[in-house]
Amino acid sequence: MYSSNETTPLPPLNPFRILEQGVSIRDTIDLLVEGKKIIFIALGSVLLVTSVYLLLAPRTYKADALLRIDKNKALLAAPLHSEANQSPTEAENPRAQREVEILRSRSVLGKVVDDLNLVVETSPYYFPVIGETLARRHDSHDGLAAPWLGLNHWAWGGEKLKVTTFDVPDRFLDKEFTLIALEAGHFRLLDPKDETVIEGRIGETLTAEVGEATPIVINIAEFTANPHTHFELKRKTSLAAIETLQKAFSVKEVSKDTDILSVELKGPNPEQLAKSVNDIATIYVNATVNWESAEASQ
């Protein structure tokens, strides 16, 4: 019997006969058209959330200044109101780095805290979600905004409060007090348990004994608000106020070997920011002059 193991080779495949199955541009367009409803809903939702956030998000302001260090360590401070120098490099000049550390020191920032009374924090009570945005959009030159639907518990815009003195016992530090505007230039102060501790007139220094060696002392220089408007009032420690200022404060050399420092401070209160930056520059200039005089005398 005869058998053969030989096989007949298959003819080569023609590459032009191979059909590649894939997604064409037409298929992609058809898919997008079919899902256009879902796409538009997702896009609209993203735009709506973004718009609401931009509308309701609290504003952050920036105040900055330039400090120029000359060879004699005398400084010239000039406030700036632009967004220039957005990406300054880190201070690499040893002398500039030393000045940066001095500017961020507690001896300088602590003086700012004392001068501007930054240990006292005040904040109006706003209507939930939209209250702060409505108050921010109100023009303060138009006076106080009328309360919506008679809801005068909250602030609606145009309110002003300046507390010159607010001393509390240690156990009340960082505790939330409530300040209520009354008629005819009077006010009421509630403790963290919402109990009345002081009621008096604006401009007077008032004291309340609370069973501690240190009484509660308050003096309000200015209080413009609709009657019954509530404010949050808090007294912090000097250390806490300095740390808060340090977090919002940055100092960098504008560029290498220029001996020009950029001082920047960010926060929600533009008026307070401007005062703080100017005070920092002034304190530092005075301190530098004193140090230079002390070194010369030695």
Protein backbone atom coordinates (compact mmCIF):
# COMPACT_ATOMS: atom_id res chain seq x y z
CA MET A 1 0.00 0.00 0.00
CA TYR A 2 1.24 3.38 -0.84
CA SER A 3 0.66 6.56 1.21
CA SER A 4 1.89 10.10 0.76
CA ASN A 5 2.50 12.75 3.46
CA GLU A 6 2.83 15.54 1.00
CA THR A 7 0.39 18.45 1.35
CA THR A 8 -0.66 20.88 -1.26
CA PRO A 9 0.25 24.48 -0.24
CA LEU A 10 -2.58 26.98 -0.15
CA PRO A 11 -2.45 29.90 -2.54
CA PRO A 12 -1.24 33.21 -1.03
CA LEU A 13 -3.91 35.48 0.35
CA ASN A 14 -4.68 38.63 -1.53
CA PRO A 15 -4.28 41.54 0.92
CA PHE A 16 -6.81 43.55 -1.00
CA ARG A 17 -9.44 40.92 -0.19
CA ILE A 18 -8.95 41.24 3.56
CA LEU A 19 -11.74 43.32 5.02
CA GLU A 20 -10.83 45.27 8.16
CA GLN A 21 -13.77 45.68 10.45
CA GLY A 22 -13.64 48.88 12.57
CA VAL A 23 -15.58 52.01 13.60
CA SER A 24 -15.86 54.56 10.88
CA ILE A 25 -16.35 58.29 11.27
CA ARG A 26 -19.95 57.89 10.23
CA ASP A 27 -20.53 55.34 13.01
CA THR A 28 -19.00 57.76 15.54
CA ILE A 29 -21.22 60.61 14.37
CA ASP A 30 -24.29 58.39 14.50
CA LEU A 31 -23.38 57.36 18.06
CA LEU A 32 -23.04 60.99 19.15
CA VAL A 33 -26.34 61.90 17.54
CA GLU A 34 -28.10 59.06 19.31
CA GLY A 35 -26.65 60.11 22.69
CA LYS A 36 -27.00 63.85 22.22
CA LYS A 37 -29.59 64.10 24.97
CA ILE A 38 -27.29 62.57 27.57
CA ILE A 39 -24.36 64.68 26.34
CA PHE A 40 -26.34 67.94 26.59
CA ILE A 41 -27.64 67.04 30.05
CA ALA A 42 -24.11 66.28 31.33
CA LEU A 43 -22.70 69.46 29.78
CA GLY A 44 -25.53 71.58 31.16
CA SER A 45 -25.07 70.10 34.63
CA VAL A 46 -21.34 70.86 34.64
CA LEU A 47 -21.94 74.44 33.48
CA LEU A 48 -24.66 74.95 36.08
CA VAL A 49 -22.54 73.64 38.96
CA THR A 50 -19.58 75.75 37.83
CA SER A 51 -21.70 78.90 37.54
CA VAL A 52 -23.25 78.39 40.96
CA TYR A 53 -19.84 77.83 42.53
CA LEU A 54 -18.37 80.96 40.92
CA LEU A 55 -21.38 82.96 42.09
CA LEU A 56 -21.45 81.69 45.68
CA ALA A 57 -17.75 81.16 46.35
CA PRO A 58 -16.32 83.79 48.73
CA ARG A 59 -13.93 86.24 47.15
CA THR A 60 -10.26 86.24 48.01
CA TYR A 61 -8.37 89.51 47.69
CA LYS A 62 -4.65 90.13 47.48
CA ALA A 63 -2.55 93.03 48.68
CA ASP A 64 1.14 93.20 47.91
CA ALA A 65 4.16 95.47 48.19
CA LEU A 66 7.76 95.60 47.09
CA LEU A 67 10.64 96.01 49.51
CA ARG A 68 14.02 97.00 48.10
CA ILE A 69 17.10 96.19 50.15
CA ASP A 70 20.02 98.51 49.45
CA LYS A 71 23.62 98.07 50.52
CA ASN A 72 23.04 100.04 53.70
CA LYS A 73 19.99 97.90 54.61
CA ALA A 74 17.64 100.85 54.18
CA LEU A 75 14.40 99.81 52.56
CA LEU A 76 11.91 101.55 50.37
CA ALA A 77 8.36 100.21 50.50
CA ALA A 78 5.87 100.81 47.69
CA PRO A 79 2.35 99.34 47.65
CA LEU A 80 1.29 97.65 44.44
CA HIS A 81 -2.20 97.10 43.07
CA SER A 82 -1.45 94.84 40.12
CA GLU A 83 -1.11 91.15 39.49
CA ALA A 84 2.50 91.46 38.33
CA ASN A 85 5.23 89.09 39.40
CA GLN A 86 2.91 86.11 39.65
CA SER A 87 5.70 83.51 39.71
CA PRO A 88 8.68 84.90 41.58
CA THR A 89 11.49 82.54 42.33
CA GLU A 90 12.49 81.54 45.78
CA ALA A 91 14.98 83.77 47.48
CA GLU A 92 18.45 82.46 46.81
CA ASN A 93 20.40 85.54 47.83
CA PRO A 94 21.62 84.87 51.40
CA ARG A 95 20.96 88.45 52.42
CA ALA A 96 17.49 88.40 50.86
CA GLN A 97 16.77 85.06 52.52
CA ARG A 98 17.72 86.56 55.87
CA GLU A 99 15.34 89.48 55.30
CA VAL A 100 12.57 87.04 54.35
CA GLU A 101 12.98 85.22 57.66
CA ILE A 102 12.88 88.54 59.54
CA LEU A 103 9.69 89.59 57.75
CA ARG A 104 8.00 86.31 58.64
CA SER A 105 9.20 86.42 62.24
CA ARG A 106 6.83 86.76 65.17
CA SER A 107 8.50 89.99 66.23
CA VAL A 108 7.26 91.67 63.05
CA LEU A 109 3.93 89.89 62.54
CA GLY A 110 3.15 90.06 66.26
CA LYS A 111 3.40 93.85 66.11
CA VAL A 112 0.98 93.84 63.16
CA VAL A 113 -1.47 91.71 65.12
CA ASP A 114 -1.31 94.13 68.05
CA ASP A 115 -1.55 97.29 65.93
CA LEU A 116 -4.56 96.11 63.92
CA ASN A 117 -6.19 94.14 66.74
CA LEU A 118 -6.24 90.96 64.65
CA VAL A 119 -6.89 88.85 67.74
CA VAL A 120 -10.54 89.92 67.44
CA GLU A 121 -12.54 88.33 64.62
CA THR A 122 -16.02 89.48 63.57
CA SER A 123 -18.35 88.07 60.96
CA PRO A 124 -22.01 88.81 60.16
CA TYR A 125 -24.60 86.06 60.18
CA TYR A 126 -25.65 85.53 56.56
CA PHE A 127 -28.72 83.83 55.19
CA PRO A 128 -27.82 80.21 54.32
CA VAL A 129 -26.24 79.53 50.92
CA ILE A 130 -27.05 82.81 49.13
CA GLY A 131 -26.87 85.37 51.93
CA GLU A 132 -23.17 86.20 51.66
CA THR A 133 -23.38 86.55 47.88
CA LEU A 134 -26.33 88.94 48.13
CA ALA A 135 -24.58 91.01 50.78
CA ARG A 136 -21.41 91.16 48.69
CA ARG A 137 -23.30 92.37 45.63
CA HIS A 138 -24.93 95.19 47.58
CA ASP A 139 -23.28 98.59 47.10
CA SER A 140 -22.27 99.87 50.54
CA HIS A 141 -22.63 103.46 49.29
CA ASP A 142 -26.39 102.86 49.17
CA GLY A 143 -26.48 102.30 52.92
CA LEU A 144 -27.93 99.25 54.60
CA ALA A 145 -29.78 96.72 52.50
CA ALA A 146 -33.37 96.09 53.49
CA PRO A 147 -33.88 92.62 55.02
CA TRP A 148 -35.62 90.13 52.77
CA LEU A 149 -39.09 89.25 54.01
CA GLY A 150 -38.28 90.98 57.31
CA LEU A 151 -35.54 88.47 58.13
CA ASN A 152 -33.40 90.99 60.03
CA HIS A 153 -31.61 88.27 61.98
CA TRP A 154 -29.14 88.04 59.07
CA ALA A 155 -26.97 90.67 57.38
CA TRP A 156 -27.94 91.63 53.83
CA GLY A 157 -25.25 94.17 52.94
CA GLY A 158 -23.82 97.49 54.04
CA GLU A 159 -23.11 96.49 57.65
CA LYS A 160 -20.03 97.86 59.43
CA LEU A 161 -18.52 96.77 62.73
CA LYS A 162 -15.32 97.94 64.39
CA VAL A 163 -14.41 96.48 67.76
CA THR A 164 -11.53 98.28 69.45
CA THR A 165 -11.47 96.19 72.64
CA PHE A 166 -12.66 92.69 73.39
CA ASP A 167 -11.01 90.95 76.33
CA VAL A 168 -12.26 87.67 77.75
CA PRO A 169 -11.10 85.12 80.33
CA ASP A 170 -8.91 82.30 79.04
CA ARG A 171 -11.77 79.80 79.06
CA PHE A 172 -13.61 81.94 76.50
CA LEU A 173 -10.71 82.21 74.06
CA ASP A 174 -11.64 80.93 70.58
CA LYS A 175 -15.28 80.69 71.70
CA GLU A 176 -18.06 82.21 69.61
CA PHE A 177 -19.90 85.14 71.15
CA THR A 178 -22.94 86.71 69.51
CA LEU A 179 -23.26 90.46 69.04
CA ILE A 180 -26.74 91.82 68.33
CA ALA A 181 -27.45 95.30 67.01
CA LEU A 182 -30.20 97.16 68.84
CA GLU A 183 -31.95 100.45 68.21
CA ALA A 184 -30.60 103.90 69.10
CA GLY A 185 -26.93 102.89 68.97
CA HIS A 186 -27.18 100.08 71.51
CA PHE A 187 -26.05 96.48 71.30
CA ARG A 188 -26.28 93.20 73.22
CA LEU A 189 -23.51 90.64 73.75
CA LEU A 190 -24.35 86.97 74.26
CA ASP A 191 -21.88 84.41 75.58
CA PRO A 192 -21.29 81.00 73.90
CA LYS A 193 -24.35 79.67 75.78
CA ASP A 194 -26.51 82.48 74.31
CA GLU A 195 -26.89 84.20 77.66
CA THR A 196 -26.76 87.98 77.81
CA VAL A 197 -23.58 89.22 79.48
CA ILE A 198 -23.43 92.86 78.35
CA GLU A 199 -25.90 95.36 76.96
CA GLY A 200 -24.92 98.95 76.36
CA ARG A 201 -24.18 101.81 73.98
CA ILE A 202 -21.66 102.04 71.16
CA GLY A 203 -18.52 103.96 72.10
CA GLU A 204 -18.58 103.03 75.78
CA THR A 205 -16.17 100.61 77.45
CA LEU A 206 -18.35 98.03 79.19
CA THR A 207 -17.32 95.32 81.66
CA ALA A 208 -19.04 92.15 82.80
CA GLU A 209 -17.93 89.96 85.71
CA VAL A 210 -18.23 86.26 84.92
CA GLY A 211 -16.68 84.75 88.02
CA GLU A 212 -13.14 84.86 86.69
CA ALA A 213 -10.11 86.93 87.61
CA THR A 214 -10.37 88.57 84.16
CA PRO A 215 -13.74 90.10 83.27
CA ILE A 216 -15.25 90.49 79.83
CA VAL A 217 -14.44 93.94 78.47
CA ILE A 218 -15.77 95.31 75.20
CA ASN A 219 -15.67 98.62 73.37
CA ILE A 220 -17.30 99.08 69.97
CA ALA A 221 -16.22 102.13 68.00
CA GLU A 222 -18.59 101.63 65.06
CA PHE A 223 -21.65 99.46 64.56
CA THR A 224 -23.88 100.02 61.54
CA ALA A 225 -26.55 97.39 61.05
CA ASN A 226 -30.28 96.90 61.02
CA PRO A 227 -31.78 96.27 64.47
CA HIS A 228 -31.58 92.61 65.54
CA THR A 229 -28.81 91.77 63.05
CA HIS A 230 -26.49 89.13 64.53
CA PHE A 231 -22.70 89.05 64.31
CA GLU A 232 -20.22 86.40 65.39
CA LEU A 233 -17.50 87.73 67.70
CA LYS A 234 -14.42 85.78 68.73
CA ARG A 235 -11.25 86.52 70.67
CA LYS A 236 -8.17 84.50 69.70
CA THR A 237 -4.80 84.17 71.34
CA SER A 238 -1.96 86.26 69.97
CA LEU A 239 -0.16 83.08 68.89
CA ALA A 240 -3.18 81.86 66.93
CA ALA A 241 -3.58 85.25 65.25
CA ILE A 242 0.11 85.29 64.27
CA GLU A 243 -0.12 81.77 62.84
CA THR A 244 -3.19 82.74 60.81
CA LEU A 245 -1.34 85.76 59.45
CA GLN A 246 1.71 83.65 58.61
CA LYS A 247 -0.42 81.23 56.56
CA ALA A 248 -1.87 84.08 54.49
CA PHE A 249 1.46 85.87 54.19
CA SER A 250 4.25 85.14 51.71
CA VAL A 251 7.58 86.82 50.99
CA LYS A 252 9.79 85.98 48.02
CA GLU A 253 12.63 87.54 46.10
CA VAL A 254 11.37 88.86 42.77
CA SER A 255 14.39 87.50 40.89
CA LYS A 256 17.85 86.32 41.75
CA ASP A 257 20.35 88.89 43.04
CA THR A 258 17.93 91.83 42.73
CA ASP A 259 17.54 92.49 46.47
CA ILE A 260 13.85 93.22 45.81
CA LEU A 261 11.33 91.29 47.90
CA SER A 262 7.69 90.75 46.99
CA VAL A 263 5.40 90.81 50.02
CA GLU A 264 1.94 89.34 49.46
CA LEU A 265 -1.07 88.86 51.71
CA LYS A 266 -4.35 87.15 50.81
CA GLY A 267 -7.69 87.17 52.57
CA PRO A 268 -11.40 88.03 52.37
CA ASN A 269 -11.17 91.60 53.72
CA PRO A 270 -9.47 94.00 51.24
CA GLU A 271 -9.35 96.95 53.64
CA GLN A 272 -7.70 94.91 56.37
CA LEU A 273 -5.26 93.38 53.87
CA ALA A 274 -4.10 96.80 52.69
CA LYS A 275 -3.59 97.98 56.27
CA SER A 276 -1.73 94.80 57.18
CA VAL A 277 0.70 95.00 54.25
CA ASN A 278 1.42 98.67 54.89
CA ASP A 279 1.89 97.98 58.59
CA ILE A 280 4.27 95.09 57.86
CA ALA A 281 6.38 97.29 55.59
CA THR A 282 6.42 100.16 58.09
CA ILE A 283 7.32 97.95 61.06
CA TYR A 284 10.06 96.23 59.10
CA VAL A 285 11.56 99.51 57.88
CA ASN A 286 11.57 100.93 61.42
CA ALA A 287 13.03 97.72 62.83
CA THR A 288 15.75 97.68 60.17
CA VAL A 289 16.71 101.27 60.92
CA ASN A 290 16.87 100.46 64.64
CA TRP A 291 19.01 97.38 64.03
CA GLU A 292 21.32 99.36 61.77
CA SER A 293 21.67 102.07 64.44
CA ALA A 294 22.39 99.46 67.10
CA GLU A 295 25.06 97.83 64.95
CA ALA A 296 26.66 101.20 64.19
CA SER A 297 26.79 102.07 67.90
CA GLN A 298 28.59 98.84 68.62
